[in-house]
Amino acid sequence: MIRRCITVAILLIVAAAVLADLSPDVYKNLHKKSPEILEIRVLSVDMHRHFAKPSSCSFFDFEVIRRAKVEARVVRVVRSASGVHAGDVIEIEYSSIRRCSGWNGPRSIPLLRSGDQRYAFLARRGRSNVFDPVARGATFSVGMPGT
């Protein structure tokens, strides 16, 4: 009986660690590895949302998934592996998910609004003008992290 209780306790601790937000060191590492670090000003946001009902949600709960397509002007280039310049207009596509109540895990990518000015940690999608987030919930930052 004691052995079973200890096993259950260990499983709960491991499950909590797996579902917790990422460590700040993980986000810092994602920032360091980002091929594009750009300061952007959001020109427009096109958002579509839909709802999902994962089995982990309670009966009256659901997830809201928002797919965002952002048009932004590059204000400043900190680093660019793809040759982006200040003044360029880029597109950023991503999804932001509001999870079910009580869910723990990595934070969702924040939603941007028209007029927002943020540092963005991105990667270019092939040769297109579309960029994807690379730092998960820490993709957009008001100030330059580490400064």
Protein backbone atom coordinates (compact mmCIF):
# COMPACT_ATOMS: atom_id res chain seq x y z
CA MET A 1 0.00 0.00 0.00
CA ILE A 2 2.77 2.46 0.90
CA ARG A 3 4.61 1.52 -2.28
CA ARG A 4 1.49 2.29 -4.34
CA CYS A 5 1.08 5.70 -2.64
CA ILE A 6 4.71 6.58 -3.32
CA THR A 7 4.34 5.55 -6.97
CA VAL A 8 1.21 7.69 -7.37
CA ALA A 9 2.93 10.66 -5.69
CA ILE A 10 5.93 10.37 -8.02
CA LEU A 11 3.65 10.17 -11.07
CA LEU A 12 1.77 13.29 -9.95
CA ILE A 13 5.00 15.22 -9.45
CA VAL A 14 6.30 14.19 -12.87
CA ALA A 15 2.97 15.06 -14.51
CA ALA A 16 2.98 18.51 -12.87
CA ALA A 17 6.53 19.16 -14.10
CA VAL A 18 5.64 18.10 -17.65
CA LEU A 19 2.56 20.35 -17.76
CA ALA A 20 4.19 23.39 -16.15
CA ASP A 21 5.29 26.50 -17.98
CA LEU A 22 8.74 26.37 -19.52
CA SER A 23 11.69 27.54 -17.47
CA PRO A 24 12.90 31.12 -18.12
CA ASP A 25 16.19 29.55 -19.26
CA VAL A 26 14.33 27.71 -22.03
CA TYR A 27 12.84 30.98 -23.28
CA LYS A 28 16.26 32.68 -23.12
CA ASN A 29 17.75 29.85 -25.15
CA LEU A 30 14.96 30.16 -27.73
CA HIS A 31 15.70 33.90 -27.96
CA LYS A 32 19.43 33.25 -28.48
CA LYS A 33 18.73 30.74 -31.26
CA SER A 34 16.20 32.95 -33.06
CA PRO A 35 17.33 33.67 -36.64
CA GLU A 36 15.34 36.91 -36.72
CA ILE A 37 15.12 39.44 -33.90
CA LEU A 38 13.09 42.37 -35.14
CA GLU A 39 11.42 45.33 -33.52
CA ILE A 40 8.04 45.57 -35.23
CA ARG A 41 5.01 47.87 -35.30
CA VAL A 42 1.74 46.07 -36.00
CA LEU A 43 -0.16 47.54 -38.95
CA SER A 44 -3.10 45.14 -39.03
CA VAL A 45 -4.33 41.87 -37.54
CA ASP A 46 -6.66 39.40 -39.24
CA MET A 47 -8.00 36.94 -36.68
CA HIS A 48 -10.13 33.84 -37.01
CA ARG A 49 -11.19 31.78 -34.05
CA HIS A 50 -12.74 28.42 -33.47
CA PHE A 51 -13.56 26.30 -30.47
CA ALA A 52 -12.36 22.85 -29.47
CA LYS A 53 -13.54 20.42 -26.84
CA PRO A 54 -10.60 18.20 -25.78
CA SER A 55 -11.42 15.29 -23.51
CA SER A 56 -9.36 16.94 -20.75
CA CYS A 57 -11.86 19.84 -20.52
CA SER A 58 -14.71 19.73 -18.05
CA PHE A 59 -18.24 19.39 -19.42
CA PHE A 60 -18.93 23.16 -19.64
CA ASP A 61 -15.39 24.18 -20.66
CA PHE A 62 -13.66 24.43 -24.03
CA GLU A 63 -10.54 25.81 -25.74
CA VAL A 64 -10.52 28.92 -27.90
CA ILE A 65 -8.04 28.73 -30.77
CA ARG A 66 -7.25 32.03 -32.50
CA ARG A 67 -5.35 32.01 -35.77
CA ALA A 68 -3.69 35.37 -36.31
CA LYS A 69 -2.26 36.84 -39.50
CA VAL A 70 -0.33 39.99 -38.63
CA GLU A 71 1.02 42.60 -41.02
CA ALA A 72 3.87 44.54 -39.40
CA ARG A 73 6.48 47.10 -40.35
CA VAL A 74 10.03 46.42 -39.22
CA VAL A 75 11.17 49.37 -37.07
CA ARG A 76 14.61 48.02 -36.17
CA VAL A 77 16.65 44.93 -36.99
CA VAL A 78 18.65 43.42 -34.14
CA ARG A 79 19.53 40.27 -36.10
CA SER A 80 18.34 38.92 -39.45
CA ALA A 81 19.50 35.71 -41.10
CA SER A 82 17.25 36.37 -44.09
CA GLY A 83 18.22 39.97 -44.85
CA VAL A 84 15.21 41.84 -43.47
CA HIS A 85 15.69 45.63 -43.29
CA ALA A 86 14.08 48.41 -41.27
CA GLY A 87 11.04 49.66 -43.17
CA ASP A 88 10.15 46.24 -44.65
CA VAL A 89 6.58 45.04 -44.22
CA ILE A 90 6.31 41.41 -43.12
CA GLU A 91 3.55 38.93 -42.29
CA ILE A 92 3.52 36.82 -39.13
CA GLU A 93 1.18 33.85 -38.84
CA TYR A 94 0.54 31.97 -35.61
CA SER A 95 -2.09 30.44 -33.34
CA SER A 96 -2.87 31.48 -29.80
CA ILE A 97 -4.80 29.05 -27.62
CA ARG A 98 -6.83 29.78 -24.49
CA ARG A 99 -6.75 26.42 -22.76
CA CYS A 100 -9.42 24.86 -20.58
CA SER A 101 -9.71 26.02 -16.97
CA GLY A 102 -7.13 24.49 -14.67
CA TRP A 103 -4.77 23.58 -17.51
CA ASN A 104 -1.08 24.10 -16.78
CA GLY A 105 1.57 24.21 -19.46
CA PRO A 106 3.67 26.44 -21.66
CA ARG A 107 2.15 29.86 -22.11
CA SER A 108 0.41 30.62 -25.34
CA ILE A 109 1.73 33.17 -27.84
CA PRO A 110 0.17 36.52 -26.93
CA LEU A 111 -2.23 38.17 -29.35
CA LEU A 112 -1.00 41.32 -31.03
CA ARG A 113 -3.17 44.37 -31.73
CA SER A 114 -2.93 47.02 -34.38
CA GLY A 115 -0.50 49.71 -33.20
CA ASP A 116 1.48 47.43 -30.86
CA GLN A 117 5.26 47.79 -30.98
CA ARG A 118 7.18 44.70 -29.88
CA TYR A 119 10.43 42.83 -30.26
CA ALA A 120 9.69 39.65 -32.20
CA PHE A 121 11.69 36.41 -32.26
CA LEU A 122 10.90 34.84 -35.61
CA ALA A 123 11.99 32.55 -38.43
CA ARG A 124 11.25 33.13 -42.10
CA ARG A 125 9.06 30.50 -43.76
CA GLY A 126 11.10 29.46 -46.78
CA ARG A 127 11.52 32.28 -49.30
CA SER A 128 8.15 33.82 -48.59
CA ASN A 129 7.46 37.04 -46.74
CA VAL A 130 5.77 35.07 -43.94
CA PHE A 131 7.42 34.60 -40.55
CA ASP A 132 6.70 32.13 -37.76
CA PRO A 133 7.22 32.54 -33.99
CA VAL A 134 10.22 30.65 -32.59
CA ALA A 135 10.07 31.45 -28.87
CA ARG A 136 6.60 30.11 -28.05
CA GLY A 137 4.92 32.28 -25.39
CA ALA A 138 7.95 34.61 -25.29
CA THR A 139 7.92 35.37 -29.03
CA PHE A 140 6.77 38.97 -28.57
CA SER A 141 8.37 41.22 -25.95
CA VAL A 142 7.73 44.87 -25.04
CA GLY A 143 11.41 45.43 -24.24
CA MET A 144 14.50 43.69 -25.56
CA PRO A 145 15.03 40.75 -23.17
CA GLY A 146 18.35 40.75 -21.39
CA THR A 147 18.81 44.53 -21.59
